[in-house]
Amino acid sequence: MTNDENWQEPGGSARDSSTKEPRPDRAREYPPSTVAPDQGADQPVYGPVPPGPLPVQPFAPAPYGSNGYPQQYPQLAPPSGQYPYGQDPHRQPGGPLAGYPGAQQGGSPQPAWAPPPRPGLIPLRPLGFGTLLGAPFLTLKRNPKATFGSALLVQAITVLVSLLVVGVVSFFVIGRIISAAPDDQDAVAAGGIVAILLSSLVPLLISLAATVFLQGVIVTEAARSTLGEKLSLRATWKATWPRLGSLLLWTLLAGAAIAVTVALIVGVVWLLVALGDGFVAAGVVVGILAGLALVAAFVWLGTKLSIVPSVIVLERVGVAAAVRRSWQLTDGYFWRTLGVEFLIAFIVGTVSQVVVTPISVLYMIAISLVDPTSSTAEDWIAPALAYVGLIVVSLLVASVTSVVQSATIAFICIDLRMRKEGLDLELIRFVEARQSGDPSAPDPYLVRASGGNAPTGPSWS
């Protein structure tokens, strides 16, 4: 739209520009700091201005102060301190904006996000799936003397005891059978077999106790490595030894429950088959269904109660309390726990077979090459060496496997307590107290998130 002087409103006539009158509501005004021309200083500043050109005021920039800002705007300057040209005066060095609410005098920085502390093998936060898979192998690498050394020593003692006990009894029985009269050889042989079977129970019990004790040792080492502590072999054994009785009791109870269940199933199936006729098919069906149910129950109960040994060692409680704690901690995390345990078992089992199988094949080949009719010792050198190599490799693989699987259970227990009880906060407090030189910090694994108390002082040294 243009400013046309001959423009007329609808229904009216054109307005003559020579006769128009100035509108009083559009009188030109001067700012308060100026005086209208042809008016004295005592005249009012505001008011109508007669026609004529307006005076042009020369532009004069406002003077600047030493802080780089105009003197007429002192409120923009920072409350204290001078800033050079080009620097933002509202931002404190390393801190928040000074002009915003909550900014502190002097520019103290606000706390920024930082990752969780990691004094040891794992970060002190709920663990991811990858961390749970890698932490057991790092335990083996970080402290091989206390982990692999303990496992190798326990496995070697078990094998030596088994060879000595069973070997000595077998040698004695064979000698009795050979020296017995022909009429008495059958009776002597039957008694000798019973003696060998009974003697095999001794290394079995020793192996059971050694395996349980080794599991407690690895749990202790895994728990202390989380806090950045590196215990010696003697320290780990000393800390685990008081818990051996509860560990053995739990293992015996679990084994007895499994044995009784299997015996009941086998007894029912055998009774049905013994009845004959149509009960044979029923016995077969019952046996298959009971076997599948037993496998499912074993997987379910085994997963729910898998962290009982870790609870016994870390929280120093009895078997009944450990069973309740394991059931409570795994509630809601059944599939996660089962997945981690199954994957670790699959990995170590596959590696074990890859390493042990070639040695076993070499041993069988060496046995097949021996002349069975030859009585010279040279013919048995190769099989003997292969057998010794098989034993050594089996010991090494079994040691690594036991360490990894036991450490996996320990880290699963720690992760579940972080997720459900806030154990990571107790671990952080313990680490900070030790770093500040406070030796009276309570054991974090004995402190419950519900506010329970724990013994104070260094209890793991």
Protein backbone atom coordinates (compact mmCIF):
# COMPACT_ATOMS: atom_id res chain seq x y z
CA MET A 1 0.00 0.00 0.00
CA THR A 2 1.36 3.51 -0.89
CA ASN A 3 0.83 6.88 0.76
CA ASP A 4 -1.45 8.53 -1.80
CA GLU A 5 -2.63 12.02 -0.85
CA ASN A 6 -5.73 11.71 -3.09
CA TRP A 7 -6.85 8.54 -1.43
CA GLN A 8 -10.40 8.78 -0.16
CA GLU A 9 -12.32 6.74 2.26
CA PRO A 10 -15.24 4.74 0.96
CA GLY A 11 -18.22 7.03 0.50
CA GLY A 12 -16.17 10.20 0.91
CA SER A 13 -14.09 12.61 -1.19
CA ALA A 14 -10.41 13.12 -1.66
CA ARG A 15 -8.67 15.13 1.02
CA ASP A 16 -6.70 18.21 0.00
CA SER A 17 -3.20 18.09 1.30
CA SER A 18 -3.05 21.88 1.53
CA THR A 19 -5.97 22.13 3.91
CA LYS A 20 -5.21 19.22 6.19
CA GLU A 21 -4.50 20.03 9.79
CA PRO A 22 -1.87 18.46 11.91
CA ARG A 23 -3.09 15.83 14.29
CA PRO A 24 -2.39 16.74 17.88
CA ASP A 25 -1.89 13.10 18.88
CA ARG A 26 1.12 12.86 16.57
CA ALA A 27 3.04 15.87 17.84
CA ARG A 28 6.76 15.24 17.71
CA GLU A 29 8.48 14.91 21.03
CA TYR A 30 12.05 15.12 22.16
CA PRO A 31 13.70 12.70 24.56
CA PRO A 32 13.97 13.84 28.14
CA SER A 33 17.63 14.78 27.83
CA THR A 34 17.14 17.35 25.01
CA VAL A 35 15.55 20.79 24.82
CA ALA A 36 13.33 21.79 21.90
CA PRO A 37 14.67 24.58 19.63
CA ASP A 38 13.46 28.12 20.17
CA GLN A 39 12.46 27.21 23.69
CA GLY A 40 14.19 28.28 26.81
CA ALA A 41 15.49 26.07 29.49
CA ASP A 42 12.54 26.98 31.63
CA GLN A 43 10.04 25.84 29.01
CA PRO A 44 8.53 22.38 29.26
CA VAL A 45 10.52 19.70 27.57
CA TYR A 46 7.61 17.79 26.11
CA GLY A 47 5.02 19.31 23.88
CA PRO A 48 4.15 20.21 20.33
CA VAL A 49 6.95 21.27 18.06
CA PRO A 50 6.40 23.94 15.39
CA PRO A 51 6.95 22.95 11.80
CA GLY A 52 10.50 22.95 10.67
CA PRO A 53 13.50 20.68 10.48
CA LEU A 54 14.56 18.91 13.62
CA PRO A 55 18.01 19.60 14.95
CA VAL A 56 20.53 16.85 14.43
CA GLN A 57 22.29 15.75 17.57
CA PRO A 58 25.87 14.54 17.03
CA PHE A 59 26.51 10.93 18.16
CA ALA A 60 28.87 10.64 21.09
CA PRO A 61 29.74 7.08 22.22
CA ALA A 62 29.49 6.45 25.89
CA PRO A 63 32.83 6.20 27.65
CA TYR A 64 34.00 2.67 28.56
CA GLY A 65 35.43 1.72 31.86
CA SER A 66 38.52 -0.32 32.61
CA ASN A 67 36.46 -3.49 32.78
CA GLY A 68 35.52 -3.32 29.09
CA TYR A 69 31.87 -2.30 29.62
CA PRO A 70 30.15 1.10 29.29
CA GLN A 71 30.11 3.05 32.47
CA GLN A 72 26.39 3.64 32.16
CA TYR A 73 25.79 -0.16 32.52
CA PRO A 74 27.66 -1.10 35.69
CA GLN A 75 25.18 -3.85 36.44
CA LEU A 76 26.68 -6.06 33.70
CA ALA A 77 30.08 -6.14 35.32
CA PRO A 78 30.86 -9.13 37.57
CA PRO A 79 30.58 -8.59 41.28
CA SER A 80 34.31 -8.85 41.78
CA GLY A 81 37.42 -9.17 39.67
CA GLN A 82 38.40 -7.59 36.33
CA TYR A 83 38.24 -9.49 33.06
CA PRO A 84 40.30 -8.80 29.97
CA TYR A 85 38.73 -7.94 26.65
CA GLY A 86 37.15 -10.89 24.87
CA GLN A 87 36.52 -13.02 27.97
CA ASP A 88 33.01 -13.85 29.05
CA PRO A 89 32.55 -12.09 32.41
CA HIS A 90 29.49 -14.17 33.30
CA ARG A 91 31.31 -17.53 33.31
CA GLN A 92 33.51 -18.35 36.22
CA PRO A 93 36.62 -20.38 35.37
CA GLY A 94 35.60 -24.05 35.42
CA GLY A 95 32.24 -23.20 36.99
CA PRO A 96 28.65 -22.29 36.14
CA LEU A 97 27.34 -19.00 34.78
CA ALA A 98 27.69 -16.31 37.39
CA GLY A 99 24.49 -14.57 36.38
CA TYR A 100 22.31 -17.63 36.95
CA PRO A 101 20.68 -18.48 40.26
CA GLY A 102 22.74 -20.82 42.35
CA ALA A 103 26.10 -19.59 41.04
CA GLN A 104 28.64 -19.35 43.80
CA GLN A 105 30.87 -16.39 44.54
CA GLY A 106 34.41 -17.10 43.44
CA GLY A 107 33.52 -19.61 40.73
CA SER A 108 33.64 -22.93 42.57
CA PRO A 109 32.90 -25.72 40.07
CA GLN A 110 29.74 -27.78 40.26
CA PRO A 111 30.19 -31.57 40.62
CA ALA A 112 30.13 -33.20 37.20
CA TRP A 113 29.19 -36.78 36.31
CA ALA A 114 31.91 -39.31 36.89
CA PRO A 115 31.95 -43.06 36.17
CA PRO A 116 31.63 -45.45 39.13
CA PRO A 117 34.91 -46.16 40.90
CA ARG A 118 36.78 -49.30 39.92
CA PRO A 119 39.35 -50.10 42.57
CA GLY A 120 39.56 -53.75 41.54
CA LEU A 121 38.36 -56.09 38.84
CA ILE A 122 34.85 -54.73 38.35
CA PRO A 123 33.22 -51.29 38.57
CA LEU A 124 31.27 -50.74 41.76
CA ARG A 125 27.86 -50.77 40.11
CA PRO A 126 25.41 -53.42 38.87
CA LEU A 127 27.31 -55.50 36.33
CA GLY A 128 26.46 -55.98 32.70
CA PHE A 129 26.34 -59.34 30.97
CA GLY A 130 29.76 -58.88 29.36
CA THR A 131 31.37 -57.89 32.66
CA LEU A 132 29.97 -61.00 34.34
CA LEU A 133 31.46 -63.15 31.60
CA GLY A 134 34.90 -61.53 31.69
CA ALA A 135 35.40 -61.02 35.43
CA PRO A 136 35.99 -64.74 36.30
CA PHE A 137 38.84 -64.97 33.77
CA LEU A 138 40.31 -61.71 35.08
CA THR A 139 40.26 -63.21 38.58
CA LEU A 140 42.43 -66.04 37.35
CA LYS A 141 44.81 -63.60 35.66
CA ARG A 142 45.03 -61.02 38.46
CA ASN A 143 46.09 -63.30 41.31
CA PRO A 144 47.23 -66.66 39.88
CA LYS A 145 48.99 -67.72 43.08
CA ALA A 146 45.88 -67.57 45.22
CA THR A 147 43.49 -68.84 42.53
CA PHE A 148 45.24 -71.16 40.12
CA GLY A 149 47.81 -72.15 42.75
CA SER A 150 45.10 -73.14 45.22
CA ALA A 151 43.17 -75.07 42.58
CA LEU A 152 46.25 -76.91 41.34
CA LEU A 153 47.34 -77.78 44.87
CA VAL A 154 43.89 -79.06 45.84
CA GLN A 155 43.51 -81.08 42.64
CA ALA A 156 46.98 -82.58 43.00
CA ILE A 157 46.38 -83.59 46.62
CA THR A 158 43.11 -85.22 45.63
CA VAL A 159 44.70 -87.22 42.81
CA LEU A 160 47.65 -88.32 44.96
CA VAL A 161 45.41 -89.44 47.80
CA SER A 162 43.18 -91.36 45.40
CA LEU A 163 46.14 -93.11 43.79
CA LEU A 164 47.76 -93.94 47.10
CA VAL A 165 44.68 -95.23 48.91
CA VAL A 166 43.09 -97.13 46.03
CA GLY A 167 46.46 -98.25 44.70
CA VAL A 168 47.68 -99.64 48.01
CA VAL A 169 44.39 -101.43 48.71
CA SER A 170 44.26 -102.84 45.19
CA PHE A 171 47.86 -104.06 45.40
CA PHE A 172 47.14 -105.76 48.72
CA VAL A 173 43.95 -107.39 47.42
CA ILE A 174 45.60 -108.70 44.26
CA GLY A 175 48.40 -110.18 46.34
CA ARG A 176 45.91 -111.95 48.59
CA ILE A 177 44.03 -113.36 45.63
CA ILE A 178 47.20 -114.70 44.02
CA SER A 179 48.48 -116.27 47.23
CA ALA A 180 45.13 -117.79 48.20
CA ALA A 181 44.35 -121.45 47.72
CA PRO A 182 42.34 -122.41 44.63
CA ASP A 183 39.32 -123.29 46.74
CA ASP A 184 39.40 -119.93 48.54
CA GLN A 185 40.15 -117.62 45.60
CA ASP A 186 36.49 -116.85 44.87
CA ALA A 187 35.77 -115.79 48.44
CA VAL A 188 38.99 -113.79 48.66
CA ALA A 189 38.22 -112.08 45.34
CA ALA A 190 34.73 -111.10 46.50
CA GLY A 191 36.11 -109.67 49.73
CA GLY A 192 38.83 -107.85 47.81
CA ILE A 193 36.29 -106.15 45.53
CA VAL A 194 34.34 -104.95 48.55
CA ALA A 195 37.56 -103.62 50.09
CA ILE A 196 38.44 -101.72 46.89
CA LEU A 197 34.97 -100.18 46.72
CA LEU A 198 35.14 -99.09 50.35
CA SER A 199 38.61 -97.65 49.88
CA SER A 200 37.35 -95.57 46.97
CA LEU A 201 35.01 -93.75 49.36
CA VAL A 202 37.99 -92.17 51.13
CA PRO A 203 39.31 -90.27 48.08
CA LEU A 204 35.72 -89.45 47.14
CA LEU A 205 35.12 -87.72 50.47
CA ILE A 206 38.50 -86.01 50.29
CA SER A 207 37.77 -84.85 46.78
CA LEU A 208 34.39 -83.51 47.91
CA ALA A 209 35.89 -81.58 50.81
CA ALA A 210 38.71 -80.25 48.64
CA THR A 211 36.32 -79.10 45.92
CA VAL A 212 34.05 -77.34 48.41
CA PHE A 213 36.98 -75.70 50.15
CA LEU A 214 38.41 -74.56 46.82
CA GLN A 215 35.11 -72.99 45.91
CA GLY A 216 35.16 -71.01 49.15
CA VAL A 217 38.75 -69.89 48.49
CA ILE A 218 37.85 -68.58 45.03
CA VAL A 219 34.79 -66.79 46.39
CA THR A 220 36.95 -65.08 49.00
CA GLU A 221 39.51 -63.98 46.42
CA ALA A 222 36.85 -62.72 44.01
CA ALA A 223 35.15 -60.68 46.74
CA ARG A 224 38.37 -59.06 47.94
CA SER A 225 39.62 -58.40 44.39
CA THR A 226 36.46 -56.35 43.85
CA LEU A 227 37.74 -53.98 46.55
CA GLY A 228 41.23 -53.81 45.06
CA GLU A 229 42.77 -56.14 47.65
CA LYS A 230 45.18 -58.88 46.62
CA LEU A 231 45.35 -61.63 49.21
CA SER A 232 48.04 -64.24 49.40
CA LEU A 233 47.34 -67.96 49.22
CA ARG A 234 47.75 -68.28 52.96
CA ALA A 235 45.39 -65.37 53.66
CA THR A 236 42.65 -66.76 51.42
CA TRP A 237 42.90 -70.20 53.01
CA LYS A 238 42.85 -68.71 56.51
CA ALA A 239 39.76 -66.63 55.74
CA THR A 240 37.91 -69.59 54.16
CA TRP A 241 38.79 -72.32 56.65
CA PRO A 242 36.16 -71.37 59.31
CA ARG A 243 33.41 -71.75 56.70
CA LEU A 244 34.44 -75.26 55.62
CA GLY A 245 31.99 -77.00 57.97
CA SER A 246 28.94 -75.16 56.61
CA LEU A 247 30.12 -75.68 53.03
CA LEU A 248 30.50 -79.43 53.61
CA LEU A 249 27.10 -79.65 55.30
CA TRP A 250 25.41 -77.92 52.39
CA THR A 251 27.15 -80.15 49.84
CA LEU A 252 26.24 -83.33 51.72
CA LEU A 253 22.61 -82.25 52.08
CA ALA A 254 22.31 -81.37 48.41
CA GLY A 255 23.97 -84.63 47.38
CA ALA A 256 21.77 -86.67 49.71
CA ALA A 257 18.61 -85.00 48.36
CA ILE A 258 19.63 -85.80 44.79
CA ALA A 259 20.53 -89.40 45.67
CA VAL A 260 17.25 -90.01 47.51
CA THR A 261 15.20 -88.55 44.65
CA VAL A 262 16.97 -90.67 42.04
CA ALA A 263 16.64 -93.77 44.21
CA LEU A 264 12.87 -93.23 44.59
CA ILE A 265 12.40 -92.84 40.84
CA VAL A 266 14.50 -95.91 40.08
CA GLY A 267 12.64 -97.91 42.74
CA VAL A 268 9.21 -97.02 41.34
CA VAL A 269 10.28 -97.85 37.78
CA TRP A 270 11.82 -101.14 38.87
CA LEU A 271 8.68 -102.09 40.81
CA LEU A 272 6.46 -101.44 37.79
CA VAL A 273 8.72 -103.43 35.50
CA ALA A 274 8.89 -106.29 38.01
CA LEU A 275 5.09 -106.57 38.03
CA GLY A 276 5.27 -107.51 34.35
CA ASP A 277 2.55 -107.57 31.69
CA GLY A 278 1.10 -104.09 31.12
CA PHE A 279 3.09 -102.53 33.94
CA VAL A 280 6.29 -102.71 31.88
CA ALA A 281 5.08 -100.05 29.47
CA ALA A 282 3.82 -97.99 32.40
CA GLY A 283 7.23 -98.28 34.04
CA VAL A 284 8.95 -97.08 30.87
CA VAL A 285 6.61 -94.10 30.55
CA VAL A 286 6.97 -93.22 34.23
CA GLY A 287 10.74 -93.48 33.94
CA ILE A 288 10.87 -91.10 30.93
CA LEU A 289 8.51 -88.53 32.46
CA ALA A 290 10.19 -88.71 35.85
CA GLY A 291 13.59 -88.30 34.22
CA LEU A 292 12.49 -85.17 32.37
CA ALA A 293 10.88 -83.76 35.50
CA LEU A 294 14.03 -84.51 37.46
CA VAL A 295 16.18 -82.64 34.94
CA ALA A 296 13.84 -79.63 34.98
CA ALA A 297 13.74 -79.60 38.79
CA PHE A 298 17.51 -79.94 38.96
CA VAL A 299 18.00 -76.95 36.63
CA TRP A 300 15.46 -74.82 38.47
CA LEU A 301 16.58 -75.64 42.02
CA GLY A 302 20.24 -75.62 41.00
CA THR A 303 19.89 -72.08 39.66
CA LYS A 304 17.85 -70.79 42.59
CA LEU A 305 20.30 -72.25 45.11
CA SER A 306 23.51 -71.78 43.13
CA ILE A 307 24.83 -68.89 45.22
CA VAL A 308 24.42 -70.67 48.57
CA PRO A 309 28.20 -71.33 48.90
CA SER A 310 28.98 -67.68 48.14
CA VAL A 311 26.49 -66.51 50.76
CA ILE A 312 27.95 -68.92 53.32
CA VAL A 313 31.45 -67.55 52.76
CA LEU A 314 30.72 -63.82 52.30
CA GLU A 315 27.95 -63.33 54.85
CA ARG A 316 29.15 -66.02 57.30
CA VAL A 317 25.73 -67.52 57.92
CA GLY A 318 24.49 -71.07 58.34
CA VAL A 319 23.07 -73.37 55.71
CA ALA A 320 19.40 -72.56 56.36
CA ALA A 321 19.97 -68.79 56.25
CA ALA A 322 22.11 -69.16 53.12
CA VAL A 323 19.36 -71.12 51.36
CA ARG A 324 16.82 -68.40 52.17
CA ARG A 325 19.18 -65.67 51.02
CA SER A 326 19.95 -67.43 47.75
CA TRP A 327 16.27 -67.95 47.04
CA GLN A 328 15.55 -64.29 47.79
CA LEU A 329 18.41 -62.84 45.75
CA THR A 330 17.70 -64.89 42.63
CA ASP A 331 14.01 -63.98 42.72
CA GLY A 332 13.37 -62.01 39.52
CA TYR A 333 16.80 -62.82 38.06
CA PHE A 334 16.40 -66.53 37.35
CA TRP A 335 16.98 -66.45 33.60
CA ARG A 336 19.87 -64.02 33.86
CA THR A 337 21.59 -66.22 36.45
CA LEU A 338 20.93 -69.37 34.44
CA GLY A 339 22.21 -67.76 31.23
CA VAL A 340 25.50 -66.63 32.76
CA GLU A 341 26.15 -69.96 34.47
CA PHE A 342 25.25 -72.00 31.39
CA LEU A 343 27.37 -69.88 29.05
CA ILE A 344 30.41 -70.04 31.34
CA ALA A 345 30.01 -73.80 31.73
CA PHE A 346 29.71 -74.20 27.97
CA ILE A 347 32.85 -72.13 27.33
CA VAL A 348 35.06 -73.90 29.85
CA GLY A 349 33.65 -77.31 28.89
CA THR A 350 34.39 -76.75 25.23
CA VAL A 351 37.92 -75.54 25.93
CA SER A 352 38.52 -78.50 28.23
CA GLN A 353 37.47 -80.97 25.56
CA VAL A 354 39.62 -79.27 22.94
CA VAL A 355 42.68 -79.54 25.18
CA VAL A 356 42.13 -82.97 26.78
CA THR A 357 40.79 -84.91 23.80
CA PRO A 358 44.04 -84.94 21.76
CA ILE A 359 46.00 -86.21 24.78
CA SER A 360 43.43 -88.96 25.34
CA VAL A 361 43.66 -89.99 21.69
CA LEU A 362 47.46 -90.14 21.89
CA TYR A 363 47.20 -92.30 25.01
CA MET A 364 44.85 -94.76 23.29
CA ILE A 365 47.16 -94.93 20.26
CA ALA A 366 50.16 -95.61 22.50
CA ILE A 367 48.25 -98.42 24.26
CA SER A 368 47.26 -100.02 20.95
CA LEU A 369 50.87 -100.02 19.75
CA VAL A 370 52.10 -101.99 22.74
CA ASP A 371 52.65 -105.71 22.17
CA PRO A 372 50.37 -107.42 24.71
CA THR A 373 52.56 -110.54 24.76
CA SER A 374 55.74 -108.63 25.54
CA SER A 375 56.90 -108.37 29.12
CA THR A 376 59.73 -105.85 28.70
CA ALA A 377 59.48 -102.48 30.40
CA GLU A 378 60.55 -100.56 27.29
CA ASP A 379 57.29 -101.40 25.58
CA TRP A 380 55.31 -99.54 28.26
CA ILE A 381 57.37 -96.34 28.29
CA ALA A 382 55.26 -94.56 25.69
CA PRO A 383 51.90 -95.47 27.28
CA ALA A 384 53.21 -94.50 30.72
CA LEU A 385 54.41 -91.12 29.46
CA ALA A 386 51.11 -90.54 27.68
CA TYR A 387 49.22 -91.42 30.86
CA VAL A 388 51.33 -89.03 32.94
CA GLY A 389 50.79 -86.31 30.35
CA LEU A 390 47.05 -86.96 30.42
CA ILE A 391 46.99 -86.63 34.21
CA VAL A 392 48.98 -83.39 34.16
CA VAL A 393 46.85 -81.82 31.45
CA SER A 394 43.68 -82.92 33.22
CA LEU A 395 44.88 -81.33 36.45
CA LEU A 396 45.65 -78.04 34.73
CA VAL A 397 42.34 -77.93 32.90
CA ALA A 398 40.38 -78.92 36.00
CA SER A 399 42.12 -76.19 38.01
CA VAL A 400 41.27 -73.49 35.49
CA THR A 401 37.69 -74.74 35.18
CA SER A 402 37.09 -74.79 38.94
CA VAL A 403 38.48 -71.27 39.36
CA VAL A 404 36.37 -69.78 36.57
CA GLN A 405 33.13 -71.44 37.61
CA SER A 406 33.55 -70.61 41.31
CA ALA A 407 34.42 -66.99 40.52
CA THR A 408 31.35 -66.76 38.28
CA ILE A 409 29.08 -67.75 41.18
CA ALA A 410 30.78 -65.18 43.41
CA PHE A 411 30.33 -62.31 40.96
CA ILE A 412 26.71 -63.28 40.33
CA CYS A 413 26.10 -63.07 44.09
CA ILE A 414 27.79 -59.66 44.29
CA ASP A 415 25.86 -58.37 41.29
CA LEU A 416 22.52 -59.50 42.70
CA ARG A 417 23.23 -57.80 46.01
CA MET A 418 24.16 -54.59 44.16
CA ARG A 419 20.90 -54.65 42.26
CA LYS A 420 18.59 -55.56 45.14
CA GLU A 421 20.33 -54.28 48.28
CA GLY A 422 22.62 -51.43 47.21
CA LEU A 423 25.81 -53.31 48.01
CA ASP A 424 27.75 -51.04 45.63
CA LEU A 425 27.25 -48.12 48.05
CA GLU A 426 28.67 -50.14 50.93
CA LEU A 427 31.65 -51.16 48.79
CA ILE A 428 32.32 -47.52 47.85
CA ARG A 429 32.18 -46.46 51.50
CA PHE A 430 34.57 -49.22 52.45
CA VAL A 431 37.06 -48.29 49.71
CA GLU A 432 36.92 -44.59 50.62
CA ALA A 433 37.44 -45.38 54.31
CA ARG A 434 40.46 -47.57 53.58
CA GLN A 435 41.93 -44.95 51.25
CA SER A 436 41.55 -42.32 53.97
CA GLY A 437 43.42 -44.53 56.43
CA ASP A 438 40.46 -45.71 58.50
CA PRO A 439 41.08 -49.40 59.41
CA SER A 440 37.85 -49.71 61.42
CA ALA A 441 35.51 -49.76 58.41
CA PRO A 442 33.00 -52.64 58.67
CA ASP A 443 33.11 -55.49 56.23
CA PRO A 444 30.80 -54.34 53.38
CA TYR A 445 29.61 -57.87 52.61
CA LEU A 446 28.16 -58.16 56.12
CA VAL A 447 26.30 -54.84 55.97
CA ARG A 448 22.72 -55.17 54.78
CA ALA A 449 20.87 -52.47 52.90
CA SER A 450 18.12 -52.69 55.53
CA GLY A 451 20.43 -51.14 58.07
CA GLY A 452 22.04 -54.17 59.65
CA ASN A 453 25.31 -53.80 61.49
CA ALA A 454 28.55 -55.60 60.73
CA PRO A 455 31.69 -56.30 62.71
CA THR A 456 34.29 -53.59 62.46
CA GLY A 457 37.99 -53.88 61.95
CA PRO A 458 40.13 -55.76 59.48
CA SER A 459 38.62 -59.24 59.45
CA TRP A 460 40.22 -60.57 56.27
CA SER A 461 43.89 -60.17 57.00
